[in-house]
C-alpha atoms as a PDB file:
ATOM      1  CA  UNK A   1      16.482 -12.990  10.193  1.00  0.00           C
ATOM      2  CA  UNK A   2      18.460 -11.166  12.859  1.00  0.00           C
ATOM      3  CA  UNK A   3      15.808  -8.560  13.517  1.00  0.00           C
ATOM      4  CA  UNK A   4      12.524  -8.681  15.389  1.00  0.00           C
ATOM      5  CA  UNK A   5       9.680  -9.487  12.954  1.00  0.00           C
ATOM      6  CA  UNK A   6       7.790  -6.480  14.364  1.00  0.00           C
ATOM      7  CA  UNK A   7      10.619  -4.187  13.212  1.00  0.00           C
ATOM      8  CA  UNK A   8      10.620  -5.709   9.725  1.00  0.00           C
ATOM      9  CA  UNK A   9       6.827  -5.415   9.523  1.00  0.00           C
ATOM     10  CA  UNK A  10       6.993  -1.770  10.610  1.00  0.00           C
ATOM     11  CA  UNK A  11       9.638  -1.185   7.961  1.00  0.00           C
ATOM     12  CA  UNK A  12       7.438  -2.582   5.189  1.00  0.00           C
ATOM     13  CA  UNK A  13       4.449  -0.581   6.438  1.00  0.00           C
ATOM     14  CA  UNK A  14       6.436   2.669   6.441  1.00  0.00           C
ATOM     15  CA  UNK A  15       7.851   1.952   2.988  1.00  0.00           C
ATOM     16  CA  UNK A  16       4.414   1.379   1.449  1.00  0.00           C
ATOM     17  CA  UNK A  17       3.164   4.559   3.123  1.00  0.00           C
ATOM     18  CA  UNK A  18       5.790   6.477   1.153  1.00  0.00           C
ATOM     19  CA  UNK A  19       8.538   7.004   3.742  1.00  0.00           C
ATOM     20  CA  UNK A  20      12.032   7.076   2.207  1.00  0.00           C
ATOM     21  CA  UNK A  21      14.574   4.361   2.996  1.00  0.00           C
ATOM     22  CA  UNK A  22      16.727   6.822   4.929  1.00  0.00           C
ATOM     23  CA  UNK A  23      13.618   8.079   6.742  1.00  0.00           C
ATOM     24  CA  UNK A  24      12.777   4.515   7.760  1.00  0.00           C
ATOM     25  CA  UNK A  25      16.356   3.959   8.899  1.00  0.00           C
ATOM     26  CA  UNK A  26      16.160   7.078  11.064  1.00  0.00           C
ATOM     27  CA  UNK A  27      12.746   6.038  12.461  1.00  0.00           C
ATOM     28  CA  UNK A  28      14.022   2.581  13.430  1.00  0.00           C
ATOM     29  CA  UNK A  29      17.013   4.154  15.137  1.00  0.00           C
ATOM     30  CA  UNK A  30      14.918   6.651  17.128  1.00  0.00           C
ATOM     31  CA  UNK A  31      11.995   4.399  18.099  1.00  0.00           C
ATOM     32  CA  UNK A  32      13.522   0.917  18.368  1.00  0.00           C
ATOM     33  CA  UNK A  33      17.194   1.833  18.834  1.00  0.00           C
ATOM     34  CA  UNK A  34      17.967  -0.330  15.780  1.00  0.00           C
ATOM     35  CA  UNK A  35      21.315   0.566  14.239  1.00  0.00           C
ATOM     36  CA  UNK A  36      21.495  -0.405  10.564  1.00  0.00           C
ATOM     37  CA  UNK A  37      24.777  -0.170   8.677  1.00  0.00           C
ATOM     38  CA  UNK A  38      22.983   1.054   5.572  1.00  0.00           C
ATOM     39  CA  UNK A  39      19.551   1.908   4.238  1.00  0.00           C
ATOM     40  CA  UNK A  40      20.281  -0.838   1.672  1.00  0.00           C
ATOM     41  CA  UNK A  41      19.400  -3.326   4.427  1.00  0.00           C
ATOM     42  CA  UNK A  42      15.847  -1.977   4.315  1.00  0.00           C
ATOM     43  CA  UNK A  43      15.754  -2.359   0.533  1.00  0.00           C
ATOM     44  CA  UNK A  44      16.893  -5.984   0.920  1.00  0.00           C
ATOM     45  CA  UNK A  45      14.049  -6.651   3.396  1.00  0.00           C
ATOM     46  CA  UNK A  46      11.550  -5.149   0.970  1.00  0.00           C
ATOM     47  CA  UNK A  47      12.831  -7.281  -1.914  1.00  0.00           C
ATOM     48  CA  UNK A  48      12.808 -10.414   0.237  1.00  0.00           C
ATOM     49  CA  UNK A  49       9.317 -10.047   1.687  1.00  0.00           C
ATOM     50  CA  UNK A  50       7.534  -8.346  -1.188  1.00  0.00           C
ATOM     51  CA  UNK A  51       7.339 -11.602  -3.167  1.00  0.00           C
ATOM     52  CA  UNK A  52       6.185 -13.591  -0.152  1.00  0.00           C
ATOM     53  CA  UNK A  53       3.469 -11.053   0.637  1.00  0.00           C
ATOM     54  CA  UNK A  54       2.345 -10.967  -2.991  1.00  0.00           C
ATOM     55  CA  UNK A  55       1.979 -14.760  -3.095  1.00  0.00           C
ATOM     56  CA  UNK A  56       0.027 -14.737   0.163  1.00  0.00           C
ATOM     57  CA  UNK A  57      -2.332 -12.003  -1.045  1.00  0.00           C
ATOM     58  CA  UNK A  58      -3.193 -14.087  -4.116  1.00  0.00           C
ATOM     59  CA  UNK A  59      -4.612 -16.789  -1.807  1.00  0.00           C
ATOM     60  CA  UNK A  60      -7.033 -14.415  -0.056  1.00  0.00           C
ATOM     61  CA  UNK A  61     -10.676 -14.345  -1.064  1.00  0.00           C
ATOM     62  CA  UNK A  62     -12.627 -11.239  -0.012  1.00  0.00           C
ATOM     63  CA  UNK A  63     -15.960 -11.730   1.731  1.00  0.00           C
ATOM     64  CA  UNK A  64     -18.496  -9.580  -0.078  1.00  0.00           C
ATOM     65  CA  UNK A  65     -22.031  -8.630   0.942  1.00  0.00           C
ATOM     66  CA  UNK A  66     -23.461  -8.641  -2.573  1.00  0.00           C
ATOM     67  CA  UNK A  67     -24.208  -4.904  -2.579  1.00  0.00           C
ATOM     68  CA  UNK A  68     -21.728  -2.558  -4.174  1.00  0.00           C
ATOM     69  CA  UNK A  69     -21.497   1.214  -4.170  1.00  0.00           C
ATOM     70  CA  UNK A  70     -19.932   3.273  -6.939  1.00  0.00           C
ATOM     71  CA  UNK A  71     -18.515   6.721  -6.373  1.00  0.00           C
ATOM     72  CA  UNK A  72     -16.804   9.201  -8.633  1.00  0.00           C
ATOM     73  CA  UNK A  73     -14.669  12.259  -8.107  1.00  0.00           C
ATOM     74  CA  UNK A  74     -12.883  14.749 -10.289  1.00  0.00           C
ATOM     75  CA  UNK A  75      -9.079  14.603 -10.138  1.00  0.00           C
ATOM     76  CA  UNK A  76      -6.356  16.550 -11.892  1.00  0.00           C
ATOM     77  CA  UNK A  77      -3.997  14.263 -13.783  1.00  0.00           C
ATOM     78  CA  UNK A  78      -1.075  15.569 -15.875  1.00  0.00           C
ATOM     79  CA  UNK A  79      -2.637  19.026 -15.929  1.00  0.00           C
ATOM     80  CA  UNK A  80      -6.115  18.006 -17.092  1.00  0.00           C
ATOM     81  CA  UNK A  81      -9.263  17.004 -15.229  1.00  0.00           C
ATOM     82  CA  UNK A  82     -10.344  13.360 -15.248  1.00  0.00           C
ATOM     83  CA  UNK A  83     -12.940  11.277 -13.404  1.00  0.00           C
ATOM     84  CA  UNK A  84     -11.870   8.654 -10.874  1.00  0.00           C
ATOM     85  CA  UNK A  85     -14.440   5.885 -10.333  1.00  0.00           C
ATOM     86  CA  UNK A  86     -14.311   3.490  -7.370  1.00  0.00           C
ATOM     87  CA  UNK A  87     -16.555   0.498  -6.701  1.00  0.00           C
ATOM     88  CA  UNK A  88     -16.639  -0.794  -3.119  1.00  0.00           C
ATOM     89  CA  UNK A  89     -18.538  -3.484  -1.262  1.00  0.00           C
ATOM     90  CA  UNK A  90     -21.233  -1.830   0.864  1.00  0.00           C
ATOM     91  CA  UNK A  91     -20.581  -3.787   4.078  1.00  0.00           C
ATOM     92  CA  UNK A  92     -16.849  -4.531   4.083  1.00  0.00           C
ATOM     93  CA  UNK A  93     -15.723  -1.390   2.185  1.00  0.00           C
ATOM     94  CA  UNK A  94     -13.476  -3.689   0.122  1.00  0.00           C
ATOM     95  CA  UNK A  95     -12.286  -1.849  -3.000  1.00  0.00           C
ATOM     96  CA  UNK A  96     -13.394  -3.922  -5.989  1.00  0.00           C
ATOM     97  CA  UNK A  97     -12.387  -1.679  -8.894  1.00  0.00           C
ATOM     98  CA  UNK A  98     -10.971   1.717  -9.801  1.00  0.00           C
ATOM     99  CA  UNK A  99     -11.027   3.388 -13.191  1.00  0.00           C
ATOM    100  CA  UNK A 100     -10.127   6.800 -14.621  1.00  0.00           C
ATOM    101  CA  UNK A 101     -12.179   8.225 -17.486  1.00  0.00           C
ATOM    102  CA  UNK A 102     -12.033  11.392 -19.595  1.00  0.00           C
ATOM    103  CA  UNK A 103     -15.751  12.164 -19.143  1.00  0.00           C
ATOM    104  CA  UNK A 104     -18.339  11.645 -16.444  1.00  0.00           C
ATOM    105  CA  UNK A 105     -20.967  10.363 -18.853  1.00  0.00           C
ATOM    106  CA  UNK A 106     -20.732   7.329 -21.126  1.00  0.00           C
END
């Protein structure tokens, strides 16, 4: 890899936060003075490292406290109201599960 790993890491972070490829290219130019020939370079980095990151994540085991909290909220989805349910570990705030239902009650 010709680029500083910090630049590549920043690129992946920006991408997964929803910044466009051209936006990332502009950011790298302004902040790090990195001149890329094309935004396709960024897409190539994402393709290359996405698989590696995915494999690494599969090896991680979350440390849980044994107490979980459930929370719900109403969200609009495709024009109609639904319920979004999240279950998180009380201590670590690790997200264990998310689900969307039509109704709040069973």
